Amino acid sequence: LYVQVENWDRAIAVLSRFVEEEPGVSEALSLLAQAYDGAGRGRDAIALLEDNAEASAQLSVMLGELYQREQRWADPAAAYDRAAQRRPRDQDLKVRLATALINVGTTPALKMLT
């Protein structure tokens, strides 16, 4: 609820405690990363997701999006690739991966779209 109403400080406080008690819950990790990002703490969001991106494709996609916003193209490519391996039929992930690879300068990226 705190995330929905953009009360970032309260969301971070509640979700941090929850994640400490239940570290493997990817939805809580996702909400905490969103709260960090909303509070202008993008580096904390990235650090949280870097430590937990292996837990789900969704967390890898979020990490890729944060990296992409910072134009760190090699990093989102790796994050999207990790997510695409978990969801190989997801065309949106293939497009995201190809875009990141193109921005890195990897020409075989266009083959990812097929």
C-alpha atoms as a PDB file:
ATOM      1  CA  LEU A   1       0.000   0.000   0.000  1.00  0.00           C
ATOM      2  CA  TYR A   2       2.819   2.431   0.822  1.00  0.00           C
ATOM      3  CA  VAL A   3       4.317   1.853  -2.623  1.00  0.00           C
ATOM      4  CA  GLN A   4       0.981   2.505  -4.321  1.00  0.00           C
ATOM      5  CA  VAL A   5       0.556   5.837  -2.550  1.00  0.00           C
ATOM      6  CA  GLU A   6       4.240   6.655  -3.077  1.00  0.00           C
ATOM      7  CA  ASN A   7       5.059   6.904   0.603  1.00  0.00           C
ATOM      8  CA  TRP A   8       8.580   5.723  -0.135  1.00  0.00           C
ATOM      9  CA  ASP A   9      10.095   6.068   3.346  1.00  0.00           C
ATOM     10  CA  ARG A  10       7.377   3.994   4.998  1.00  0.00           C
ATOM     11  CA  ALA A  11       7.470   1.460   2.165  1.00  0.00           C
ATOM     12  CA  ILE A  12      11.236   1.080   2.517  1.00  0.00           C
ATOM     13  CA  ALA A  13      10.982   0.644   6.288  1.00  0.00           C
ATOM     14  CA  VAL A  14       8.263  -2.020   6.105  1.00  0.00           C
ATOM     15  CA  LEU A  15       9.652  -3.867   3.103  1.00  0.00           C
ATOM     16  CA  SER A  16      13.236  -3.863   4.417  1.00  0.00           C
ATOM     17  CA  ARG A  17      12.089  -5.619   7.587  1.00  0.00           C
ATOM     18  CA  PHE A  18      10.034  -8.085   5.579  1.00  0.00           C
ATOM     19  CA  VAL A  19      12.928  -8.877   3.217  1.00  0.00           C
ATOM     20  CA  GLU A  20      15.226  -9.447   6.197  1.00  0.00           C
ATOM     21  CA  GLU A  21      12.753 -11.960   7.637  1.00  0.00           C
ATOM     22  CA  GLU A  22      11.776 -13.552   4.295  1.00  0.00           C
ATOM     23  CA  PRO A  23      14.753 -13.010   1.973  1.00  0.00           C
ATOM     24  CA  GLY A  24      13.587 -15.172  -0.923  1.00  0.00           C
ATOM     25  CA  VAL A  25      10.253 -13.492  -1.681  1.00  0.00           C
ATOM     26  CA  SER A  26      10.800 -11.951  -5.111  1.00  0.00           C
ATOM     27  CA  GLU A  27       7.640  -9.824  -4.983  1.00  0.00           C
ATOM     28  CA  ALA A  28       8.837  -8.137  -1.781  1.00  0.00           C
ATOM     29  CA  LEU A  29      12.251  -7.583  -3.348  1.00  0.00           C
ATOM     30  CA  SER A  30      10.587  -6.072  -6.399  1.00  0.00           C
ATOM     31  CA  LEU A  31       8.494  -3.701  -4.277  1.00  0.00           C
ATOM     32  CA  LEU A  32      11.511  -2.701  -2.189  1.00  0.00           C
ATOM     33  CA  ALA A  33      13.535  -1.956  -5.323  1.00  0.00           C
ATOM     34  CA  GLN A  34      10.609   0.093  -6.651  1.00  0.00           C
ATOM     35  CA  ALA A  35      10.431   2.009  -3.354  1.00  0.00           C
ATOM     36  CA  TYR A  36      14.175   2.718  -3.407  1.00  0.00           C
ATOM     37  CA  ASP A  37      13.907   3.940  -6.982  1.00  0.00           C
ATOM     38  CA  GLY A  38      10.874   6.093  -6.196  1.00  0.00           C
ATOM     39  CA  ALA A  39      12.738   7.652  -3.276  1.00  0.00           C
ATOM     40  CA  GLY A  40      15.597   8.612  -5.570  1.00  0.00           C
ATOM     41  CA  ARG A  41      17.812   5.842  -4.228  1.00  0.00           C
ATOM     42  CA  GLY A  42      18.499   4.148  -7.540  1.00  0.00           C
ATOM     43  CA  ARG A  43      21.882   2.853  -6.402  1.00  0.00           C
ATOM     44  CA  ASP A  44      20.241   1.054  -3.485  1.00  0.00           C
ATOM     45  CA  ALA A  45      17.681  -0.438  -5.863  1.00  0.00           C
ATOM     46  CA  ILE A  46      20.455  -1.632  -8.179  1.00  0.00           C
ATOM     47  CA  ALA A  47      22.456  -3.100  -5.284  1.00  0.00           C
ATOM     48  CA  LEU A  48      19.388  -4.947  -3.988  1.00  0.00           C
ATOM     49  CA  LEU A  49      18.577  -6.350  -7.412  1.00  0.00           C
ATOM     50  CA  GLU A  50      22.188  -7.276  -8.165  1.00  0.00           C
ATOM     51  CA  ASP A  51      22.179  -9.375  -4.996  1.00  0.00           C
ATOM     52  CA  ASN A  52      18.845 -11.021  -5.841  1.00  0.00           C
ATOM     53  CA  ALA A  53      18.337 -10.989  -9.625  1.00  0.00           C
ATOM     54  CA  GLU A  54      18.903 -14.732  -9.834  1.00  0.00           C
ATOM     55  CA  ALA A  55      15.657 -15.238  -7.902  1.00  0.00           C
ATOM     56  CA  SER A  56      13.365 -14.420 -10.816  1.00  0.00           C
ATOM     57  CA  ALA A  57      13.179 -13.167 -14.370  1.00  0.00           C
ATOM     58  CA  GLN A  58      11.121 -10.207 -13.148  1.00  0.00           C
ATOM     59  CA  LEU A  59      13.959  -9.015 -10.902  1.00  0.00           C
ATOM     60  CA  SER A  60      16.447  -9.374 -13.755  1.00  0.00           C
ATOM     61  CA  VAL A  61      14.197  -7.265 -15.991  1.00  0.00           C
ATOM     62  CA  MET A  62      13.892  -4.582 -13.311  1.00  0.00           C
ATOM     63  CA  LEU A  63      17.665  -4.564 -12.930  1.00  0.00           C
ATOM     64  CA  GLY A  64      18.076  -4.243 -16.688  1.00  0.00           C
ATOM     65  CA  GLU A  65      15.674  -1.301 -16.746  1.00  0.00           C
ATOM     66  CA  LEU A  66      17.602   0.511 -14.023  1.00  0.00           C
ATOM     67  CA  TYR A  67      20.898  -0.117 -15.793  1.00  0.00           C
ATOM     68  CA  GLN A  68      19.380   1.028 -19.070  1.00  0.00           C
ATOM     69  CA  ARG A  69      18.235   4.285 -17.524  1.00  0.00           C
ATOM     70  CA  GLU A  70      21.865   4.891 -16.607  1.00  0.00           C
ATOM     71  CA  GLN A  71      22.919   3.892 -20.153  1.00  0.00           C
ATOM     72  CA  ARG A  72      25.170   1.135 -18.836  1.00  0.00           C
ATOM     73  CA  TRP A  73      24.416  -0.958 -21.929  1.00  0.00           C
ATOM     74  CA  ALA A  74      26.553  -4.023 -21.223  1.00  0.00           C
ATOM     75  CA  ASP A  75      24.879  -4.441 -17.845  1.00  0.00           C
ATOM     76  CA  PRO A  76      21.253  -4.463 -19.043  1.00  0.00           C
ATOM     77  CA  ALA A  77      22.248  -6.860 -21.813  1.00  0.00           C
ATOM     78  CA  ALA A  78      23.457  -9.334 -19.198  1.00  0.00           C
ATOM     79  CA  ALA A  79      20.342  -8.827 -17.061  1.00  0.00           C
ATOM     80  CA  TYR A  80      17.965  -9.268 -20.011  1.00  0.00           C
ATOM     81  CA  ASP A  81      19.898 -12.315 -21.188  1.00  0.00           C
ATOM     82  CA  ARG A  82      19.511 -13.887 -17.732  1.00  0.00           C
ATOM     83  CA  ALA A  83      15.766 -13.175 -17.808  1.00  0.00           C
ATOM     84  CA  ALA A  84      15.409 -14.454 -21.400  1.00  0.00           C
ATOM     85  CA  GLN A  85      17.003 -17.754 -20.409  1.00  0.00           C
ATOM     86  CA  ARG A  86      14.216 -18.210 -17.868  1.00  0.00           C
ATOM     87  CA  ARG A  87      11.520 -17.070 -20.308  1.00  0.00           C
ATOM     88  CA  PRO A  88      12.783 -18.107 -23.757  1.00  0.00           C
ATOM     89  CA  ARG A  89       9.475 -17.428 -25.543  1.00  0.00           C
ATOM     90  CA  ASP A  90       9.144 -13.868 -24.260  1.00  0.00           C
ATOM     91  CA  GLN A  91       9.529 -11.695 -27.367  1.00  0.00           C
ATOM     92  CA  ASP A  92       9.629  -8.472 -25.348  1.00  0.00           C
ATOM     93  CA  LEU A  93      12.729  -9.741 -23.559  1.00  0.00           C
ATOM     94  CA  LYS A  94      14.357 -10.586 -26.863  1.00  0.00           C
ATOM     95  CA  VAL A  95      13.698  -7.053 -28.118  1.00  0.00           C
ATOM     96  CA  ARG A  96      15.084  -5.547 -24.906  1.00  0.00           C
ATOM     97  CA  LEU A  97      18.159  -7.764 -25.135  1.00  0.00           C
ATOM     98  CA  ALA A  98      18.708  -6.923 -28.794  1.00  0.00           C
ATOM     99  CA  THR A  99      18.353  -3.205 -28.088  1.00  0.00           C
ATOM    100  CA  ALA A 100      20.884  -3.371 -25.277  1.00  0.00           C
ATOM    101  CA  LEU A 101      23.293  -5.364 -27.444  1.00  0.00           C
ATOM    102  CA  ILE A 102      22.931  -2.888 -30.301  1.00  0.00           C
ATOM    103  CA  ASN A 103      23.762  -0.074 -27.895  1.00  0.00           C
ATOM    104  CA  VAL A 104      26.855  -1.996 -26.793  1.00  0.00           C
ATOM    105  CA  GLY A 105      27.789  -2.336 -30.449  1.00  0.00           C
ATOM    106  CA  THR A 106      27.161  -6.052 -30.847  1.00  0.00           C
ATOM    107  CA  THR A 107      25.957  -6.513 -34.424  1.00  0.00           C
ATOM    108  CA  PRO A 108      24.702 -10.109 -34.044  1.00  0.00           C
ATOM    109  CA  ALA A 109      22.015  -8.619 -31.797  1.00  0.00           C
ATOM    110  CA  LEU A 110      19.555  -8.460 -34.675  1.00  0.00           C
ATOM    111  CA  LYS A 111      19.512 -12.265 -34.780  1.00  0.00           C
ATOM    112  CA  MET A 112      17.948 -12.175 -31.299  1.00  0.00           C
ATOM    113  CA  LEU A 113      14.725 -10.845 -32.761  1.00  0.00           C
ATOM    114  CA  THR A 114      14.000 -14.039 -34.683  1.00  0.00           C
END
